[in-house]
């Protein structure tokens, strides 16, 4: 019987995660990155993001087949209640519900961090990502037209947004994932 686990990223996951990401870099316009990052560069990205935000992996029988993370949507302090989400699935496991599962976990953790708004940027067209955002009730925010050139053509990026918290007059500050009770995070990871 197949055993599926979701957990927080570990430094030792870097190579497996990069192996999932690399085909998106080399073969698609889903990411606008044109060169595969080095293992050290990718490890540093993971470390930097996971200092404050959820960075999670989906394992099936001990092998990582998908990962997702949240990160700052914008740099200025007044944007601290926003996060942008990213998800990548091993291409042999697309349309299996893994992206939905990972997004569900990210959203629940982000609520605990006092995040109010979440965003997703999708190279357009990308039917899988569009359906994922529609499934979660994201609204289409707008389109950056012909904003990236990759794979010998210009691409649009469609932006999606979703509210996940109340708009208090005095919201609590953004809380790093390291400030959240690990027992609560463990429960969420079992979704």
Protein backbone atom coordinates (compact mmCIF):
# COMPACT_ATOMS: atom_id res chain seq x y z
CA UNK A 1 0.00 0.00 0.00
CA UNK A 2 1.28 3.43 -0.97
CA UNK A 3 2.21 5.66 1.96
CA UNK A 4 1.87 9.42 1.38
CA UNK A 5 3.34 11.97 3.76
CA UNK A 6 3.50 15.76 3.78
CA UNK A 7 6.22 17.36 5.86
CA UNK A 8 8.30 20.49 6.15
CA UNK A 9 11.29 20.65 3.85
CA UNK A 10 14.70 19.48 5.05
CA UNK A 11 18.08 20.49 3.68
CA UNK A 12 18.63 16.90 2.49
CA UNK A 13 15.60 17.31 0.16
CA UNK A 14 17.32 19.84 -2.06
CA UNK A 15 18.48 17.51 -4.81
CA UNK A 16 15.13 15.69 -5.10
CA UNK A 17 13.25 18.99 -5.23
CA UNK A 18 15.63 20.41 -7.83
CA UNK A 19 15.08 17.27 -9.94
CA UNK A 20 11.34 18.04 -9.95
CA UNK A 21 11.94 21.70 -10.79
CA UNK A 22 14.53 21.22 -13.55
CA UNK A 23 12.15 20.01 -16.31
CA UNK A 24 9.97 23.07 -15.68
CA UNK A 25 13.04 25.25 -16.25
CA UNK A 26 14.36 23.39 -19.31
CA UNK A 27 11.14 22.36 -21.08
CA UNK A 28 8.36 24.82 -20.18
CA UNK A 29 7.47 28.46 -19.63
CA UNK A 30 5.74 27.59 -16.35
CA UNK A 31 8.72 29.17 -14.59
CA UNK A 32 10.47 32.11 -16.20
CA UNK A 33 13.81 30.88 -14.91
CA UNK A 34 15.91 29.95 -17.95
CA UNK A 35 18.91 28.25 -16.33
CA UNK A 36 18.69 25.47 -13.77
CA UNK A 37 20.10 26.80 -10.49
CA UNK A 38 23.06 25.05 -8.92
CA UNK A 39 22.41 22.73 -6.01
CA UNK A 40 23.99 25.27 -3.62
CA UNK A 41 21.92 28.16 -4.97
CA UNK A 42 18.75 26.10 -4.72
CA UNK A 43 19.61 24.96 -1.18
CA UNK A 44 20.08 28.61 -0.18
CA UNK A 45 16.71 29.57 -1.68
CA UNK A 46 14.98 26.83 0.29
CA UNK A 47 16.76 27.84 3.48
CA UNK A 48 15.92 31.52 3.05
CA UNK A 49 12.23 30.93 2.29
CA UNK A 50 11.72 28.32 5.02
CA UNK A 51 13.09 30.68 7.68
CA UNK A 52 9.72 32.48 7.72
CA UNK A 53 7.29 30.68 5.42
CA UNK A 54 5.98 27.14 4.97
CA UNK A 55 7.99 25.09 2.48
CA UNK A 56 6.54 21.61 2.26
CA UNK A 57 7.17 18.38 0.39
CA UNK A 58 4.83 15.55 -0.61
CA UNK A 59 6.33 12.09 -0.37
CA UNK A 60 4.97 8.86 -1.79
CA UNK A 61 6.71 5.73 -0.51
CA UNK A 62 9.62 7.84 0.67
CA UNK A 63 10.15 9.70 -2.63
CA UNK A 64 9.38 13.41 -3.03
CA UNK A 65 6.91 13.84 -5.88
CA UNK A 66 5.78 17.40 -5.22
CA UNK A 67 6.60 20.50 -3.24
CA UNK A 68 5.06 23.86 -2.49
CA UNK A 69 5.97 26.99 -0.62
CA UNK A 70 4.81 30.47 0.24
CA UNK A 71 6.96 33.59 0.19
CA UNK A 72 6.74 37.36 0.50
CA UNK A 73 4.44 38.89 -2.05
CA UNK A 74 6.14 42.30 -1.84
CA UNK A 75 9.00 43.74 0.21
CA UNK A 76 7.52 46.75 2.03
CA UNK A 77 6.26 46.30 5.63
CA UNK A 78 2.64 47.12 4.81
CA UNK A 79 2.54 44.03 2.56
CA UNK A 80 3.45 41.63 5.41
CA UNK A 81 -0.09 40.19 5.49
CA UNK A 82 0.25 38.87 1.92
CA UNK A 83 1.98 35.79 0.52
CA UNK A 84 2.57 34.34 -2.92
CA UNK A 85 2.25 30.57 -3.41
CA UNK A 86 4.17 28.21 -5.69
CA UNK A 87 3.71 24.51 -6.32
CA UNK A 88 5.61 22.03 -8.50
CA UNK A 89 4.67 18.39 -9.07
CA UNK A 90 6.77 15.65 -10.62
CA UNK A 91 5.47 15.52 -14.17
CA UNK A 92 4.61 11.82 -13.92
CA UNK A 93 2.21 12.63 -11.04
CA UNK A 94 0.21 15.53 -12.48
CA UNK A 95 -3.58 15.58 -12.02
CA UNK A 96 -3.47 13.29 -8.97
CA UNK A 97 -4.66 15.91 -6.45
CA UNK A 98 -1.19 16.54 -5.02
CA UNK A 99 -1.26 20.26 -5.85
CA UNK A 100 -4.64 20.63 -4.12
CA UNK A 101 -3.36 18.83 -1.04
CA UNK A 102 -0.22 20.96 -0.84
CA UNK A 103 -2.16 24.21 -1.36
CA UNK A 104 -4.62 23.22 1.40
CA UNK A 105 -1.76 22.73 3.85
CA UNK A 106 -0.04 25.98 2.87
CA UNK A 107 -3.25 27.97 3.30
CA UNK A 108 -3.94 26.57 6.77
CA UNK A 109 -0.41 27.38 7.96
CA UNK A 110 -0.54 30.87 6.44
CA UNK A 111 -3.76 31.61 8.35
CA UNK A 112 -1.85 30.92 11.58
CA UNK A 113 0.84 33.34 10.43
CA UNK A 114 -1.73 36.17 10.19
CA UNK A 115 -1.63 36.23 6.38
CA UNK A 116 -4.78 37.76 4.94
CA UNK A 117 -4.26 37.59 1.17
CA UNK A 118 -2.65 34.97 -1.03
CA UNK A 119 -1.57 35.31 -4.64
CA UNK A 120 -0.58 33.05 -7.49
CA UNK A 121 1.06 33.96 -10.77
CA UNK A 122 0.37 31.57 -13.64
CA UNK A 123 2.01 31.59 -17.06
CA UNK A 124 -0.99 31.78 -19.34
CA UNK A 125 -2.29 29.45 -20.60
CA UNK A 126 -1.65 26.72 -18.01
CA UNK A 127 -4.82 24.70 -17.59
CA UNK A 128 -3.63 22.74 -14.53
CA UNK A 129 -2.65 25.85 -12.56
CA UNK A 130 -5.73 27.76 -13.64
CA UNK A 131 -7.97 24.91 -12.43
CA UNK A 132 -6.06 24.70 -9.15
CA UNK A 133 -6.68 28.37 -8.40
CA UNK A 134 -10.31 28.16 -9.46
CA UNK A 135 -10.80 25.12 -7.20
CA UNK A 136 -9.69 27.18 -4.19
CA UNK A 137 -11.89 30.15 -5.09
CA UNK A 138 -9.15 32.52 -6.20
CA UNK A 139 -10.32 35.50 -8.24
CA UNK A 140 -8.59 36.55 -11.42
CA UNK A 141 -6.74 39.74 -10.59
CA UNK A 142 -5.31 40.65 -13.96
CA UNK A 143 -2.88 39.76 -16.72
CA UNK A 144 0.64 40.94 -17.47
CA UNK A 145 0.65 40.73 -21.27
CA UNK A 146 3.73 39.48 -23.13
CA UNK A 147 5.76 39.86 -19.95
CA UNK A 148 8.22 36.98 -20.38
CA UNK A 149 10.08 35.54 -23.36
CA UNK A 150 10.91 31.85 -23.11
CA UNK A 151 10.70 28.78 -25.36
CA UNK A 152 10.91 31.07 -28.41
CA UNK A 153 7.72 33.00 -27.68
CA UNK A 154 6.22 35.73 -25.51
CA UNK A 155 4.03 34.70 -22.59
CA UNK A 156 1.33 36.33 -20.49
CA UNK A 157 1.11 35.87 -16.73
CA UNK A 158 -2.32 35.75 -15.10
CA UNK A 159 -2.49 36.75 -11.43
CA UNK A 160 -4.94 35.25 -8.97
CA UNK A 161 -5.84 36.42 -5.45
CA UNK A 162 -7.77 35.03 -2.50
CA UNK A 163 -8.64 36.40 0.93
CA UNK A 164 -7.96 33.92 3.75
CA UNK A 165 -8.41 36.13 6.81
CA UNK A 166 -10.47 38.94 8.28
CA UNK A 167 -9.56 42.56 7.80
CA UNK A 168 -9.16 43.78 11.37
CA UNK A 169 -8.31 47.44 11.93
CA UNK A 170 -5.31 46.32 13.99
CA UNK A 171 -4.10 43.02 12.52
CA UNK A 172 -1.51 41.02 14.40
CA UNK A 173 1.91 41.13 12.78
CA UNK A 174 3.06 38.43 10.39
CA UNK A 175 4.39 35.49 12.40
CA UNK A 176 7.32 33.45 11.16
CA UNK A 177 6.60 29.75 10.80
CA UNK A 178 9.17 29.25 13.57
CA UNK A 179 6.83 31.11 15.95
CA UNK A 180 3.94 28.69 15.35
CA UNK A 181 3.47 25.78 17.75
CA UNK A 182 5.04 22.72 16.06
CA UNK A 183 2.22 20.49 17.33
CA UNK A 184 -0.30 22.60 15.41
CA UNK A 185 1.82 22.47 12.26
CA UNK A 186 2.14 18.70 12.61
CA UNK A 187 -1.67 18.38 12.75
CA UNK A 188 -2.04 20.51 9.62
CA UNK A 189 0.56 18.46 7.76
CA UNK A 190 -1.65 15.40 8.29
CA UNK A 191 -4.54 16.91 6.27
